[in-house]
PDB file of N, CA and C in Angstrom:
ATOM      1  N   MET A   1       0.818  -1.190   0.000  1.00  0.00           N
ATOM      2  CA  MET A   1       0.000   0.000   0.000  1.00  0.00           C
ATOM      3  C   MET A   1       0.869   1.264   0.000  1.00  0.00           C
ATOM      4  N   ALA A   2       1.954   1.259   0.766  1.00  0.00           N
ATOM      5  CA  ALA A   2       2.849   2.413   0.813  1.00  0.00           C
ATOM      6  C   ALA A   2       3.485   2.657  -0.549  1.00  0.00           C
ATOM      7  N   LEU A   3       3.819   1.581  -1.241  1.00  0.00           N
ATOM      8  CA  LEU A   3       4.410   1.713  -2.574  1.00  0.00           C
ATOM      9  C   LEU A   3       3.427   2.369  -3.528  1.00  0.00           C
ATOM     10  N   LEU A   4       2.170   1.967  -3.463  1.00  0.00           N
ATOM     11  CA  LEU A   4       1.152   2.565  -4.321  1.00  0.00           C
ATOM     12  C   LEU A   4       1.016   4.057  -4.025  1.00  0.00           C
ATOM     13  N   ALA A   5       1.001   4.422  -2.756  1.00  0.00           N
ATOM     14  CA  ALA A   5       0.905   5.831  -2.383  1.00  0.00           C
ATOM     15  C   ALA A   5       2.111   6.609  -2.905  1.00  0.00           C
ATOM     16  N   ALA A   6       3.298   6.028  -2.808  1.00  0.00           N
ATOM     17  CA  ALA A   6       4.510   6.692  -3.299  1.00  0.00           C
ATOM     18  C   ALA A   6       4.449   6.877  -4.811  1.00  0.00           C
ATOM     19  N   LEU A   7       3.946   5.892  -5.518  1.00  0.00           N
ATOM     20  CA  LEU A   7       3.848   6.005  -6.973  1.00  0.00           C
ATOM     21  C   LEU A   7       2.827   7.054  -7.391  1.00  0.00           C
ATOM     22  N   LEU A   8       1.788   7.229  -6.593  1.00  0.00           N
ATOM     23  CA  LEU A   8       0.784   8.234  -6.922  1.00  0.00           C
ATOM     24  C   LEU A   8       1.302   9.644  -6.658  1.00  0.00           C
ATOM     25  N   VAL A   9       2.153   9.817  -5.670  1.00  0.00           N
ATOM     26  CA  VAL A   9       2.689  11.131  -5.321  1.00  0.00           C
ATOM     27  C   VAL A   9       3.847  11.513  -6.232  1.00  0.00           C
ATOM     28  N   TRP A  10       4.657  10.576  -6.656  1.00  0.00           N
ATOM     29  CA  TRP A  10       5.871  10.858  -7.419  1.00  0.00           C
ATOM     30  C   TRP A  10       5.644  11.698  -8.670  1.00  0.00           C
ATOM     31  N   PRO A  11       4.672  11.358  -9.544  1.00  0.00           N
ATOM     32  CA  PRO A  11       4.514  12.199 -10.741  1.00  0.00           C
ATOM     33  C   PRO A  11       4.155  13.641 -10.415  1.00  0.00           C
ATOM     34  N   ALA A  12       3.370  13.853  -9.374  1.00  0.00           N
ATOM     35  CA  ALA A  12       3.011  15.226  -9.015  1.00  0.00           C
ATOM     36  C   ALA A  12       4.246  16.003  -8.580  1.00  0.00           C
ATOM     37  N   ALA A  13       5.114  15.356  -7.828  1.00  0.00           N
ATOM     38  CA  ALA A  13       6.342  16.024  -7.388  1.00  0.00           C
ATOM     39  C   ALA A  13       7.241  16.318  -8.577  1.00  0.00           C
ATOM     40  N   ALA A  14       7.354  15.372  -9.484  1.00  0.00           N
ATOM     41  CA  ALA A  14       8.191  15.583 -10.660  1.00  0.00           C
ATOM     42  C   ALA A  14       7.617  16.707 -11.517  1.00  0.00           C
ATOM     43  N   SER A  15       6.311  16.724 -11.672  1.00  0.00           N
ATOM     44  CA  SER A  15       5.680  17.766 -12.458  1.00  0.00           C
ATOM     45  C   SER A  15       5.870  19.126 -11.796  1.00  0.00           C
ATOM     46  N   SER A  16       5.807  19.160 -10.475  1.00  0.00           N
ATOM     47  CA  SER A  16       6.011  20.408  -9.756  1.00  0.00           C
ATOM     48  C   SER A  16       7.413  20.966 -10.015  1.00  0.00           C
ATOM     49  N   ALA A  17       8.406  20.104  -9.996  1.00  0.00           N
ATOM     50  CA  ALA A  17       9.780  20.551 -10.274  1.00  0.00           C
ATOM     51  C   ALA A  17       9.892  21.071 -11.703  1.00  0.00           C
ATOM     52  N   ALA A  18       9.274  20.389 -12.640  1.00  0.00           N
ATOM     53  CA  ALA A  18       9.320  20.821 -14.037  1.00  0.00           C
ATOM     54  C   ALA A  18       8.591  22.149 -14.215  1.00  0.00           C
ATOM     55  N   VAL A  19       7.467  22.301 -13.533  1.00  0.00           N
ATOM     56  CA  VAL A  19       6.709  23.555 -13.614  1.00  0.00           C
ATOM     57  C   VAL A  19       7.517  24.694 -12.989  1.00  0.00           C
ATOM     58  N   ASP A  20       8.182  24.413 -11.883  1.00  0.00           N
ATOM     59  CA  ASP A  20       9.037  25.430 -11.255  1.00  0.00           C
ATOM     60  C   ASP A  20      10.155  25.859 -12.200  1.00  0.00           C
ATOM     61  N   THR A  21      10.761  24.894 -12.880  1.00  0.00           N
ATOM     62  CA  THR A  21      11.827  25.195 -13.836  1.00  0.00           C
ATOM     63  C   THR A  21      11.278  26.035 -14.991  1.00  0.00           C
ATOM     64  N   TYR A  22      10.085  25.691 -15.458  1.00  0.00           N
ATOM     65  CA  TYR A  22       9.445  26.456 -16.531  1.00  0.00           C
ATOM     66  C   TYR A  22       9.219  27.900 -16.089  1.00  0.00           C
ATOM     67  N   PHE A  23       8.741  28.085 -14.864  1.00  0.00           N
ATOM     68  CA  PHE A  23       8.520  29.432 -14.328  1.00  0.00           C
ATOM     69  C   PHE A  23       9.835  30.207 -14.258  1.00  0.00           C
ATOM     70  N   GLU A  24      10.860  29.594 -13.684  1.00  0.00           N
ATOM     71  CA  GLU A  24      12.144  30.279 -13.509  1.00  0.00           C
ATOM     72  C   GLU A  24      12.747  30.693 -14.843  1.00  0.00           C
ATOM     73  N   ARG A  25      12.682  29.801 -15.816  1.00  0.00           N
ATOM     74  CA  ARG A  25      13.240  30.139 -17.131  1.00  0.00           C
ATOM     75  C   ARG A  25      12.402  31.196 -17.827  1.00  0.00           C
ATOM     76  N   GLY A  26      11.086  31.123 -17.658  1.00  0.00           N
ATOM     77  CA  GLY A  26      10.210  32.141 -18.236  1.00  0.00           C
ATOM     78  C   GLY A  26      10.459  33.510 -17.632  1.00  0.00           C
ATOM     79  N   PHE A  27      10.644  33.529 -16.333  1.00  0.00           N
ATOM     80  CA  PHE A  27      10.968  34.772 -15.629  1.00  0.00           C
ATOM     81  C   PHE A  27      12.265  35.361 -16.171  1.00  0.00           C
ATOM     82  N   MET A  28      13.285  34.542 -16.315  1.00  0.00           N
ATOM     83  CA  MET A  28      14.572  35.034 -16.796  1.00  0.00           C
ATOM     84  C   MET A  28      14.515  35.475 -18.255  1.00  0.00           C
ATOM     85  N   VAL A  29      13.707  34.801 -19.067  1.00  0.00           N
ATOM     86  CA  VAL A  29      13.543  35.231 -20.462  1.00  0.00           C
ATOM     87  C   VAL A  29      12.971  36.649 -20.496  1.00  0.00           C
ATOM     88  N   GLU A  30      11.903  36.875 -19.737  1.00  0.00           N
ATOM     89  CA  GLU A  30      11.264  38.200 -19.735  1.00  0.00           C
ATOM     90  C   GLU A  30      12.179  39.275 -19.157  1.00  0.00           C
ATOM     91  N   ALA A  31      12.749  38.999 -17.995  1.00  0.00           N
ATOM     92  CA  ALA A  31      13.628  39.975 -17.356  1.00  0.00           C
ATOM     93  C   ALA A  31      14.882  40.194 -18.205  1.00  0.00           C
ATOM     94  N   GLY A  32      15.405  39.124 -18.780  1.00  0.00           N
ATOM     95  CA  GLY A  32      16.596  39.235 -19.615  1.00  0.00           C
ATOM     96  C   GLY A  32      16.363  40.100 -20.829  1.00  0.00           C
ATOM     97  N   ALA A  33      15.218  39.949 -21.448  1.00  0.00           N
ATOM     98  CA  ALA A  33      14.909  40.755 -22.631  1.00  0.00           C
ATOM     99  C   ALA A  33      14.707  42.221 -22.244  1.00  0.00           C
ATOM    100  N   ARG A  34      13.974  42.456 -21.176  1.00  0.00           N
ATOM    101  CA  ARG A  34      13.680  43.825 -20.764  1.00  0.00           C
ATOM    102  C   ARG A  34      14.926  44.553 -20.271  1.00  0.00           C
ATOM    103  N   CYS A  35      15.758  43.847 -19.514  1.00  0.00           N
ATOM    104  CA  CYS A  35      16.936  44.475 -18.905  1.00  0.00           C
ATOM    105  C   CYS A  35      18.203  44.289 -19.734  1.00  0.00           C
ATOM    106  N   ARG A  36      18.076  43.586 -20.848  1.00  0.00           N
ATOM    107  CA  ARG A  36      19.229  43.309 -21.720  1.00  0.00           C
ATOM    108  C   ARG A  36      20.378  42.677 -20.930  1.00  0.00           C
ATOM    109  N   LEU A  37      20.022  41.585 -20.231  1.00  0.00           N
ATOM    110  CA  LEU A  37      20.985  40.898 -19.374  1.00  0.00           C
ATOM    111  C   LEU A  37      21.922  39.977 -20.143  1.00  0.00           C
ATOM    112  N   PHE A  38      21.480  39.495 -21.294  1.00  0.00           N
ATOM    113  CA  PHE A  38      22.226  38.458 -22.006  1.00  0.00           C
ATOM    114  C   PHE A  38      22.500  38.844 -23.453  1.00  0.00           C
ATOM    115  N   ALA A  39      23.572  38.280 -23.976  1.00  0.00           N
ATOM    116  CA  ALA A  39      23.851  38.403 -25.411  1.00  0.00           C
ATOM    117  C   ALA A  39      22.718  37.700 -26.168  1.00  0.00           C
ATOM    118  N   PRO A  40      22.471  38.104 -27.411  1.00  0.00           N
ATOM    119  CA  PRO A  40      21.362  37.506 -28.170  1.00  0.00           C
ATOM    120  C   PRO A  40      21.390  35.976 -28.234  1.00  0.00           C
ATOM    121  N   GLU A  41      22.576  35.394 -28.393  1.00  0.00           N
ATOM    122  CA  GLU A  41      22.625  33.933 -28.486  1.00  0.00           C
ATOM    123  C   GLU A  41      22.305  33.265 -27.150  1.00  0.00           C
ATOM    124  N   VAL A  42      22.646  33.914 -26.045  1.00  0.00           N
ATOM    125  CA  VAL A  42      22.311  33.385 -24.718  1.00  0.00           C
ATOM    126  C   VAL A  42      20.811  33.520 -24.480  1.00  0.00           C
ATOM    127  N   GLN A  43      20.243  34.659 -24.864  1.00  0.00           N
ATOM    128  CA  GLN A  43      18.798  34.861 -24.728  1.00  0.00           C
ATOM    129  C   GLN A  43      18.048  33.812 -25.538  1.00  0.00           C
ATOM    130  N   SER A  44      18.516  33.532 -26.732  1.00  0.00           N
ATOM    131  CA  SER A  44      17.894  32.514 -27.579  1.00  0.00           C
ATOM    132  C   SER A  44      17.975  31.130 -26.934  1.00  0.00           C
ATOM    133  N   ALA A  45      19.121  30.816 -26.362  1.00  0.00           N
ATOM    134  CA  ALA A  45      19.285  29.526 -25.684  1.00  0.00           C
ATOM    135  C   ALA A  45      18.364  29.438 -24.471  1.00  0.00           C
ATOM    136  N   LEU A  46      18.179  30.538 -23.765  1.00  0.00           N
ATOM    137  CA  LEU A  46      17.284  30.552 -22.611  1.00  0.00           C
ATOM    138  C   LEU A  46      15.836  30.331 -23.040  1.00  0.00           C
ATOM    139  N   ILE A  47      15.449  30.908 -24.152  1.00  0.00           N
ATOM    140  CA  ILE A  47      14.100  30.681 -24.693  1.00  0.00           C
ATOM    141  C   ILE A  47      13.922  29.199 -25.027  1.00  0.00           C
ATOM    142  N   SER A  48      14.921  28.606 -25.640  1.00  0.00           N
ATOM    143  CA  SER A  48      14.859  27.169 -25.954  1.00  0.00           C
ATOM    144  C   SER A  48      14.768  26.338 -24.682  1.00  0.00           C
ATOM    145  N   ALA A  49      15.525  26.701 -23.664  1.00  0.00           N
ATOM    146  CA  ALA A  49      15.495  25.977 -22.399  1.00  0.00           C
ATOM    147  C   ALA A  49      14.124  26.101 -21.737  1.00  0.00           C
ATOM    148  N   ARG A  50      13.514  27.270 -21.853  1.00  0.00           N
ATOM    149  CA  ARG A  50      12.160  27.458 -21.314  1.00  0.00           C
ATOM    150  C   ARG A  50      11.178  26.520 -22.006  1.00  0.00           C
ATOM    151  N   GLU A  51      11.268  26.436 -23.321  1.00  0.00           N
ATOM    152  CA  GLU A  51      10.357  25.573 -24.069  1.00  0.00           C
ATOM    153  C   GLU A  51      10.603  24.088 -23.780  1.00  0.00           C
ATOM    154  N   GLN A  52      11.852  23.727 -23.561  1.00  0.00           N
ATOM    155  CA  GLN A  52      12.154  22.347 -23.165  1.00  0.00           C
ATOM    156  C   GLN A  52      11.540  22.040 -21.801  1.00  0.00           C
ATOM    157  N   ALA A  53      11.625  22.972 -20.871  1.00  0.00           N
ATOM    158  CA  ALA A  53      11.021  22.779 -19.546  1.00  0.00           C
ATOM    159  C   ALA A  53       9.507  22.648 -19.673  1.00  0.00           C
ATOM    160  N   ARG A  54       8.906  23.392 -20.580  1.00  0.00           N
ATOM    161  CA  ARG A  54       7.467  23.281 -20.819  1.00  0.00           C
ATOM    162  C   ARG A  54       7.128  21.877 -21.310  1.00  0.00           C
ATOM    163  N   GLY A  55       7.922  21.374 -22.233  1.00  0.00           N
ATOM    164  CA  GLY A  55       7.684  20.024 -22.745  1.00  0.00           C
ATOM    165  C   GLY A  55       7.804  18.970 -21.655  1.00  0.00           C
ATOM    166  N   VAL A  56       8.792  19.113 -20.804  1.00  0.00           N
ATOM    167  CA  VAL A  56       8.961  18.165 -19.694  1.00  0.00           C
ATOM    168  C   VAL A  56       7.743  18.230 -18.775  1.00  0.00           C
ATOM    169  N   ALA A  57       7.300  19.435 -18.448  1.00  0.00           N
ATOM    170  CA  ALA A  57       6.144  19.594 -17.566  1.00  0.00           C
ATOM    171  C   ALA A  57       4.901  18.956 -18.182  1.00  0.00           C
ATOM    172  N   LEU A  58       4.703  19.145 -19.490  1.00  0.00           N
ATOM    173  CA  LEU A  58       3.556  18.518 -20.153  1.00  0.00           C
ATOM    174  C   LEU A  58       3.653  17.001 -20.108  1.00  0.00           C
ATOM    175  N   ARG A  59       4.841  16.469 -20.372  1.00  0.00           N
ATOM    176  CA  ARG A  59       5.015  15.008 -20.344  1.00  0.00           C
ATOM    177  C   ARG A  59       4.804  14.445 -18.939  1.00  0.00           C
ATOM    178  N   GLU A  60       5.065  15.261 -17.932  1.00  0.00           N
ATOM    179  CA  GLU A  60       4.900  14.807 -16.556  1.00  0.00           C
ATOM    180  C   GLU A  60       3.499  15.074 -16.011  1.00  0.00           C
ATOM    181  N   GLY A  61       2.606  15.564 -16.868  1.00  0.00           N
ATOM    182  CA  GLY A  61       1.213  15.671 -16.472  1.00  0.00           C
ATOM    183  C   GLY A  61       0.669  17.060 -16.226  1.00  0.00           C
ATOM    184  N   ALA A  62       1.458  18.086 -16.401  1.00  0.00           N
ATOM    185  CA  ALA A  62       0.946  19.446 -16.234  1.00  0.00           C
ATOM    186  C   ALA A  62      -0.044  19.749 -17.353  1.00  0.00           C
ATOM    187  N   SER A  63      -1.043  20.546 -17.061  1.00  0.00           N
ATOM    188  CA  SER A  63      -2.042  20.893 -18.075  1.00  0.00           C
ATOM    189  C   SER A  63      -1.575  22.115 -18.876  1.00  0.00           C
ATOM    190  N   VAL A  64      -2.080  22.217 -20.080  1.00  0.00           N
ATOM    191  CA  VAL A  64      -1.764  23.365 -20.931  1.00  0.00           C
ATOM    192  C   VAL A  64      -2.266  24.647 -20.263  1.00  0.00           C
ATOM    193  N   ALA A  65      -3.478  24.606 -19.714  1.00  0.00           N
ATOM    194  CA  ALA A  65      -4.034  25.780 -19.043  1.00  0.00           C
ATOM    195  C   ALA A  65      -3.191  26.169 -17.828  1.00  0.00           C
ATOM    196  N   GLY A  66      -2.747  25.179 -17.086  1.00  0.00           N
ATOM    197  CA  GLY A  66      -1.911  25.450 -15.918  1.00  0.00           C
ATOM    198  C   GLY A  66      -0.593  26.084 -16.319  1.00  0.00           C
ATOM    199  N   LEU A  67       0.003  25.596 -17.388  1.00  0.00           N
ATOM    200  CA  LEU A  67       1.273  26.164 -17.852  1.00  0.00           C
ATOM    201  C   LEU A  67       1.082  27.559 -18.434  1.00  0.00           C
ATOM    202  N   ARG A  68      -0.066  27.805 -19.011  1.00  0.00           N
ATOM    203  CA  ARG A  68      -0.360  29.156 -19.506  1.00  0.00           C
ATOM    204  C   ARG A  68      -0.391  30.134 -18.326  1.00  0.00           C
ATOM    205  N   SER A  69      -0.986  29.687 -17.240  1.00  0.00           N
ATOM    206  CA  SER A  69      -1.030  30.514 -16.027  1.00  0.00           C
ATOM    207  C   SER A  69       0.374  30.749 -15.477  1.00  0.00           C
ATOM    208  N   VAL A  70       1.193  29.713 -15.471  1.00  0.00           N
ATOM    209  CA  VAL A  70       2.575  29.835 -15.008  1.00  0.00           C
ATOM    210  C   VAL A  70       3.337  30.820 -15.891  1.00  0.00           C
ATOM    211  N   ALA A  71       3.142  30.719 -17.195  1.00  0.00           N
ATOM    212  CA  ALA A  71       3.817  31.630 -18.126  1.00  0.00           C
ATOM    213  C   ALA A  71       3.384  33.075 -17.890  1.00  0.00           C
ATOM    214  N   ASP A  72       2.104  33.277 -17.621  1.00  0.00           N
ATOM    215  CA  ASP A  72       1.601  34.627 -17.339  1.00  0.00           C
ATOM    216  C   ASP A  72       2.231  35.190 -16.071  1.00  0.00           C
ATOM    217  N   ARG A  73       2.334  34.362 -15.022  1.00  0.00           N
ATOM    218  CA  ARG A  73       2.953  34.800 -13.773  1.00  0.00           C
ATOM    219  C   ARG A  73       4.427  35.127 -13.979  1.00  0.00           C
ATOM    220  N   ALA A  74       5.122  34.280 -14.756  1.00  0.00           N
ATOM    221  CA  ALA A  74       6.550  34.514 -15.028  1.00  0.00           C
ATOM    222  C   ALA A  74       6.734  35.810 -15.810  1.00  0.00           C
ATOM    223  N   ARG A  75       5.874  36.041 -16.775  1.00  0.00           N
ATOM    224  CA  ARG A  75       5.951  37.263 -17.588  1.00  0.00           C
ATOM    225  C   ARG A  75       5.721  38.494 -16.705  1.00  0.00           C
ATOM    226  N   THR A  76       4.692  38.440 -15.883  1.00  0.00           N
ATOM    227  CA  THR A  76       4.388  39.561 -14.992  1.00  0.00           C
ATOM    228  C   THR A  76       5.549  39.839 -14.047  1.00  0.00           C
ATOM    229  N   ARG A  77       6.091  38.793 -13.474  1.00  0.00           N
ATOM    230  CA  ARG A  77       7.204  38.979 -12.549  1.00  0.00           C
ATOM    231  C   ARG A  77       8.441  39.500 -13.278  1.00  0.00           C
ATOM    232  N   GLY A  78       8.715  38.956 -14.456  1.00  0.00           N
ATOM    233  CA  GLY A  78       9.876  39.402 -15.228  1.00  0.00           C
ATOM    234  C   GLY A  78       9.776  40.839 -15.669  1.00  0.00           C
ATOM    235  N   LEU A  79       8.564  41.279 -15.935  1.00  0.00           N
ATOM    236  CA  LEU A  79       8.363  42.659 -16.381  1.00  0.00           C
ATOM    237  C   LEU A  79       8.315  43.640 -15.222  1.00  0.00           C
ATOM    238  N   SER A  80       8.113  43.150 -14.012  1.00  0.00           N
ATOM    239  CA  SER A  80       8.006  44.054 -12.867  1.00  0.00           C
ATOM    240  C   SER A  80       9.213  44.046 -11.941  1.00  0.00           C
ATOM    241  N   THR A  81      10.109  43.098 -12.119  1.00  0.00           N
ATOM    242  CA  THR A  81      11.299  43.031 -11.268  1.00  0.00           C
ATOM    243  C   THR A  81      12.313  44.081 -11.721  1.00  0.00           C
ATOM    244  N   PRO A  82      12.784  44.913 -10.807  1.00  0.00           N
ATOM    245  CA  PRO A  82      13.771  45.930 -11.196  1.00  0.00           C
ATOM    246  C   PRO A  82      15.038  45.289 -11.793  1.00  0.00           C
ATOM    247  N   CYS A  83      15.573  45.923 -12.790  1.00  0.00           N
ATOM    248  CA  CYS A  83      16.764  45.387 -13.458  1.00  0.00           C
ATOM    249  C   CYS A  83      17.976  45.303 -12.534  1.00  0.00           C
ATOM    250  N   ASP A  84      18.014  46.123 -11.507  1.00  0.00           N
ATOM    251  CA  ASP A  84      19.140  46.078 -10.568  1.00  0.00           C
ATOM    252  C   ASP A  84      18.821  45.226  -9.331  1.00  0.00           C
ATOM    253  N   SER A  85      17.782  44.411  -9.440  1.00  0.00           N
ATOM    254  CA  SER A  85      17.369  43.551  -8.331  1.00  0.00           C
ATOM    255  C   SER A  85      18.424  42.490  -8.014  1.00  0.00           C
ATOM    256  N   ALA A  86      18.581  42.202  -6.739  1.00  0.00           N
ATOM    257  CA  ALA A  86      19.501  41.134  -6.314  1.00  0.00           C
ATOM    258  C   ALA A  86      19.039  39.786  -6.860  1.00  0.00           C
ATOM    259  N   GLU A  87      17.752  39.656  -7.084  1.00  0.00           N
ATOM    260  CA  GLU A  87      17.190  38.423  -7.633  1.00  0.00           C
ATOM    261  C   GLU A  87      17.731  38.119  -9.041  1.00  0.00           C
ATOM    262  N   LEU A  88      18.039  39.150  -9.784  1.00  0.00           N
ATOM    263  CA  LEU A  88      18.567  38.976 -11.130  1.00  0.00           C
ATOM    264  C   LEU A  88      20.087  38.944 -11.188  1.00  0.00           C
ATOM    265  N   ALA A  89      20.723  39.328 -10.106  1.00  0.00           N
ATOM    266  CA  ALA A  89      22.202  39.383 -10.093  1.00  0.00           C
ATOM    267  C   ALA A  89      22.828  38.016 -10.200  1.00  0.00           C
TER     268      ALA A  89
END
């Protein structure tokens, strides 16, 4: 019974990590573009990494609607975080 419970919880935890990664990369894409933090090729690679994280989250069970919400939150945070923020340093 414990094994079954662990198997039921595991995908949610994995999806949560993937969703967190998607959020973090989305935040950095937005903040990076607005604050010009990265060279164009690095910004492009970060966009690709964000999309890869989205794919992982979808494969691990995240919903498209849920990821859209995550992307909106990341965009809002990236656009509102000051460019000289310690969070971006």
